[in-house]
Amino acid sequence: MLVAGVDDAGRGSVIGPLVIAGVLVNSEDIPKLAQLGVKDSKLLSPTRRETLAVEIKRIAKKHVVVKLSPAEIDKVVMTGRKLHRLNWLEAQAMAKVIELLRPNIVYVDASDVLEERFKQQILEFLPFKVEIVSEHKADRKYPVVSAASIIAKVERDREIAELKAKYGDFGCGYPTDPKTMEFLRRCLETFKEYPDFVRKSWRPAKKVKSENNFRQAKLI
């Protein structure tokens, strides 16, 4: 029995890609993942995630990573009709991961508030039948999803590190980080526009831009 887990990293971030990862294992190898101590990637330190990612790849038969750029995200958020926005885009990306893994059963961390609806969205994009278990907090319930969560987070962390090396420290990239929000303000003051690694459709980014436009208008 081939079992897969699929999860994402960076969904709520205003900076950088949304990363979706899938891990495929033989069912008899799932206890090995549990023995490693895999868990929701957010509960692990960056060093521990890096170490576990190497071990997970040794146990897994296959792993797949798909990255959704800010431009792809902005397009569906700003132009997609209801139920065809971010959840729909992510369901499509998860289907791509599942198609490449070809499991007998797959566990996914549901992005939609309705777990069953998210499952059906994924199935719409798949050219073959597969059993899907779509649940909230699946990364805390199933070791194979925890493993996917770790792979996704490590990949996203690397992307963010590359951006910081080029553009300076902008914090974690989430709107809750004051350093991230200050970086957005500086971008607009310096370049009048956001760089392509910022999700322009995100409400916090739009708010900062609106405030900047208001300040500029007052100066004229």
Protein backbone atom coordinates (compact mmCIF):
# COMPACT_ATOMS: atom_id res chain seq x y z
CA MET A 1 0.00 0.00 0.00
CA LEU A 2 1.45 3.34 -1.06
CA VAL A 3 0.48 6.19 1.25
CA ALA A 4 1.03 9.90 0.56
CA GLY A 5 0.79 13.03 2.67
CA VAL A 6 0.41 16.53 1.25
CA ASP A 7 0.72 19.87 3.02
CA ASP A 8 1.65 23.50 2.35
CA ALA A 9 3.90 26.20 3.77
CA GLY A 10 3.57 29.97 3.44
CA ARG A 11 -0.17 30.16 2.81
CA GLY A 12 -0.71 33.30 4.90
CA SER A 13 2.55 35.01 4.03
CA VAL A 14 2.56 38.33 2.16
CA ILE A 15 6.06 37.62 0.80
CA GLY A 16 7.34 34.66 -1.20
CA PRO A 17 5.82 31.53 -2.72
CA LEU A 18 3.21 29.16 -1.38
CA VAL A 19 4.94 25.78 -1.30
CA ILE A 20 3.07 22.48 -1.54
CA ALA A 21 4.94 19.24 -0.81
CA GLY A 22 3.99 15.59 -1.03
CA VAL A 23 5.69 12.57 0.47
CA LEU A 24 5.08 8.97 -0.69
CA VAL A 25 5.89 6.00 1.57
CA ASN A 26 5.09 2.32 1.87
CA SER A 27 2.48 1.85 4.59
CA GLU A 28 4.89 -0.33 6.61
CA ASP A 29 7.35 2.59 6.73
CA ILE A 30 4.94 5.02 8.43
CA PRO A 31 6.10 3.91 11.93
CA LYS A 32 9.64 4.90 10.88
CA LEU A 33 8.41 8.47 10.28
CA ALA A 34 6.79 8.50 13.72
CA GLN A 35 10.02 7.22 15.29
CA LEU A 36 11.91 10.12 13.70
CA GLY A 37 9.71 12.49 15.70
CA VAL A 38 8.04 14.18 12.74
CA LYS A 39 5.37 16.70 13.68
CA ASP A 40 3.76 19.87 12.37
CA SER A 41 6.70 21.84 10.96
CA LYS A 42 5.63 24.98 12.87
CA LEU A 43 6.43 23.13 16.12
CA LEU A 44 10.03 22.44 15.10
CA SER A 45 13.12 24.62 14.97
CA PRO A 46 14.64 25.39 11.55
CA THR A 47 17.68 23.20 12.36
CA ARG A 48 15.49 20.29 13.40
CA ARG A 49 13.39 20.65 10.23
CA GLU A 50 16.51 20.55 8.07
CA THR A 51 17.74 17.39 9.81
CA LEU A 52 14.36 15.67 9.60
CA ALA A 53 13.94 16.58 5.92
CA VAL A 54 17.08 14.58 5.07
CA GLU A 55 15.83 11.57 7.06
CA ILE A 56 12.33 11.79 5.55
CA LYS A 57 13.76 11.72 2.02
CA ARG A 58 15.70 8.56 2.90
CA ILE A 59 12.54 6.77 4.07
CA ALA A 60 10.20 8.08 1.35
CA LYS A 61 9.86 6.33 -2.00
CA LYS A 62 9.35 9.74 -3.58
CA HIS A 63 8.74 13.38 -2.69
CA VAL A 64 7.40 16.21 -4.83
CA VAL A 65 7.42 19.99 -4.36
CA VAL A 66 5.26 22.51 -6.24
CA LYS A 67 5.64 26.27 -5.76
CA LEU A 68 2.96 28.87 -6.44
CA SER A 69 4.43 32.30 -7.13
CA PRO A 70 2.96 35.55 -5.79
CA ALA A 71 1.92 36.42 -9.37
CA GLU A 72 -0.07 33.17 -9.70
CA ILE A 73 -1.69 33.77 -6.31
CA ASP A 74 -2.50 37.40 -7.10
CA LYS A 75 -4.14 36.43 -10.38
CA VAL A 76 -6.68 34.04 -8.81
CA VAL A 77 -7.29 36.21 -5.75
CA MET A 78 -8.00 39.32 -7.84
CA THR A 79 -9.79 37.79 -10.84
CA GLY A 80 -11.13 34.39 -9.78
CA ARG A 81 -14.82 34.00 -9.12
CA LYS A 82 -16.10 32.78 -5.76
CA LEU A 83 -14.73 29.32 -4.84
CA HIS A 84 -12.15 29.68 -7.63
CA ARG A 85 -9.53 31.62 -5.73
CA LEU A 86 -6.72 30.53 -3.40
CA ASN A 87 -8.31 27.28 -2.16
CA TRP A 88 -9.10 26.30 -5.74
CA LEU A 89 -5.52 27.10 -6.84
CA GLU A 90 -4.10 25.11 -3.97
CA ALA A 91 -6.39 22.16 -4.68
CA GLN A 92 -5.09 22.21 -8.26
CA ALA A 93 -1.47 22.22 -7.03
CA MET A 94 -2.16 19.39 -4.57
CA ALA A 95 -3.73 17.37 -7.39
CA LYS A 96 -0.55 17.87 -9.41
CA VAL A 97 1.52 16.57 -6.49
CA ILE A 98 -0.79 13.57 -6.04
CA GLU A 99 -0.69 12.79 -9.76
CA LEU A 100 3.11 12.69 -9.66
CA LEU A 101 3.15 10.49 -6.53
CA ARG A 102 0.41 8.03 -7.59
CA PRO A 103 -0.53 6.75 -4.10
CA ASN A 104 -3.29 4.29 -3.15
CA ILE A 105 -4.44 6.67 -0.43
CA VAL A 106 -3.48 10.26 0.32
CA TYR A 107 -3.91 12.38 3.42
CA VAL A 108 -4.12 16.13 2.86
CA ASP A 109 -4.21 19.08 5.24
CA ALA A 110 -7.50 20.73 4.20
CA SER A 111 -7.17 24.41 3.29
CA ASP A 112 -10.92 24.98 2.92
CA VAL A 113 -13.13 25.45 5.99
CA LEU A 114 -15.15 22.57 4.49
CA GLU A 115 -12.92 19.49 4.42
CA GLU A 116 -15.14 17.53 2.03
CA ARG A 117 -15.40 20.43 -0.44
CA PHE A 118 -11.60 20.68 -0.57
CA LYS A 119 -11.38 16.93 -1.23
CA GLN A 120 -13.85 17.22 -4.11
CA GLN A 121 -11.93 20.15 -5.60
CA ILE A 122 -8.74 18.07 -5.64
CA LEU A 123 -10.55 15.10 -7.21
CA GLU A 124 -11.83 17.34 -10.03
CA PHE A 125 -8.24 17.92 -11.17
CA LEU A 126 -7.12 14.27 -10.97
CA PRO A 127 -7.20 12.01 -14.05
CA PHE A 128 -7.53 8.87 -11.89
CA LYS A 129 -9.40 7.68 -8.81
CA VAL A 130 -7.65 7.80 -5.47
CA GLU A 131 -8.82 7.67 -1.87
CA ILE A 132 -8.38 11.11 -0.28
CA VAL A 133 -8.60 11.86 3.42
CA SER A 134 -9.00 15.64 3.74
CA GLU A 135 -8.84 16.95 7.31
CA HIS A 136 -7.94 20.08 9.21
CA LYS A 137 -4.72 19.82 11.22
CA ALA A 138 -3.80 16.63 9.35
CA ASP A 139 -0.16 17.61 9.88
CA ARG A 140 -0.68 16.96 13.59
CA LYS A 141 -2.63 13.71 13.14
CA TYR A 142 -0.77 11.77 10.45
CA PRO A 143 3.03 11.32 10.35
CA VAL A 144 3.06 11.22 6.54
CA VAL A 145 1.42 14.69 6.44
CA SER A 146 3.83 15.93 9.11
CA ALA A 147 6.65 14.75 6.85
CA ALA A 148 5.18 16.69 3.91
CA SER A 149 4.78 19.74 6.15
CA ILE A 150 8.48 19.62 7.02
CA ILE A 151 9.59 19.26 3.38
CA ALA A 152 7.36 22.19 2.37
CA LYS A 153 8.63 24.42 5.18
CA VAL A 154 12.30 23.66 4.48
CA GLU A 155 11.81 24.48 0.79
CA ARG A 156 10.04 27.74 1.59
CA ASP A 157 12.67 28.70 4.18
CA ARG A 158 15.33 28.32 1.50
CA GLU A 159 13.39 30.56 -0.88
CA ILE A 160 12.99 33.20 1.84
CA ALA A 161 16.69 33.01 2.75
CA GLU A 162 17.62 33.66 -0.90
CA LEU A 163 15.32 36.69 -1.02
CA LYS A 164 16.78 38.07 2.21
CA ALA A 165 20.32 37.62 0.91
CA LYS A 166 19.37 39.78 -2.06
CA TYR A 167 16.98 42.34 -0.54
CA GLY A 168 17.82 42.46 3.16
CA ASP A 169 16.06 41.20 6.27
CA PHE A 170 12.29 41.60 5.97
CA GLY A 171 11.37 39.38 8.90
CA CYS A 172 9.32 36.21 8.53
CA GLY A 173 7.27 37.49 5.58
CA TYR A 174 3.95 37.34 7.42
CA PRO A 175 1.74 40.41 8.02
CA THR A 176 1.94 39.84 11.79
CA ASP A 177 5.67 40.73 11.71
CA PRO A 178 6.28 44.50 12.10
CA LYS A 179 9.60 44.10 10.25
CA THR A 180 7.75 42.66 7.23
CA MET A 181 5.24 45.50 7.20
CA GLU A 182 8.00 48.09 7.50
CA PHE A 183 9.76 46.45 4.53
CA LEU A 184 6.57 46.85 2.45
CA ARG A 185 6.41 50.54 3.36
CA ARG A 186 10.06 51.06 2.41
CA CYS A 187 9.53 49.31 -0.93
CA LEU A 188 6.77 51.75 -1.85
CA GLU A 189 8.69 54.81 -0.66
CA THR A 190 11.78 53.76 -2.62
CA PHE A 191 10.39 52.10 -5.76
CA LYS A 192 6.73 53.29 -5.81
CA GLU A 193 5.69 49.65 -6.35
CA TYR A 194 6.09 46.24 -4.75
CA PRO A 195 8.69 43.80 -6.09
CA ASP A 196 7.43 40.63 -7.76
CA PHE A 197 7.94 38.47 -4.66
CA VAL A 198 5.24 40.39 -2.73
CA ARG A 199 1.61 39.22 -2.89
CA LYS A 200 -0.01 42.45 -3.99
CA SER A 201 -3.54 41.07 -3.58
CA TRP A 202 -3.10 40.49 0.17
CA ARG A 203 -5.21 42.86 2.27
CA PRO A 204 -2.25 44.08 4.43
CA ALA A 205 -0.22 44.88 1.29
CA LYS A 206 -3.16 46.75 -0.24
CA LYS A 207 -3.65 48.67 3.01
CA VAL A 208 -0.01 49.77 3.12
CA LYS A 209 -0.20 50.85 -0.51
CA SER A 210 -3.41 52.80 0.10
CA GLU A 211 -1.81 54.59 3.06
CA ASN A 212 1.27 55.39 0.97
CA ASN A 213 -0.86 56.77 -1.86
CA PHE A 214 -2.74 58.94 0.65
CA ARG A 215 0.53 60.34 2.05
CA GLN A 216 1.82 61.06 -1.46
CA ALA A 217 -1.41 62.82 -2.38
CA LYS A 218 -1.12 65.07 0.67
CA LEU A 219 2.39 66.05 -0.33
CA ILE A 220 1.30 67.18 -3.78
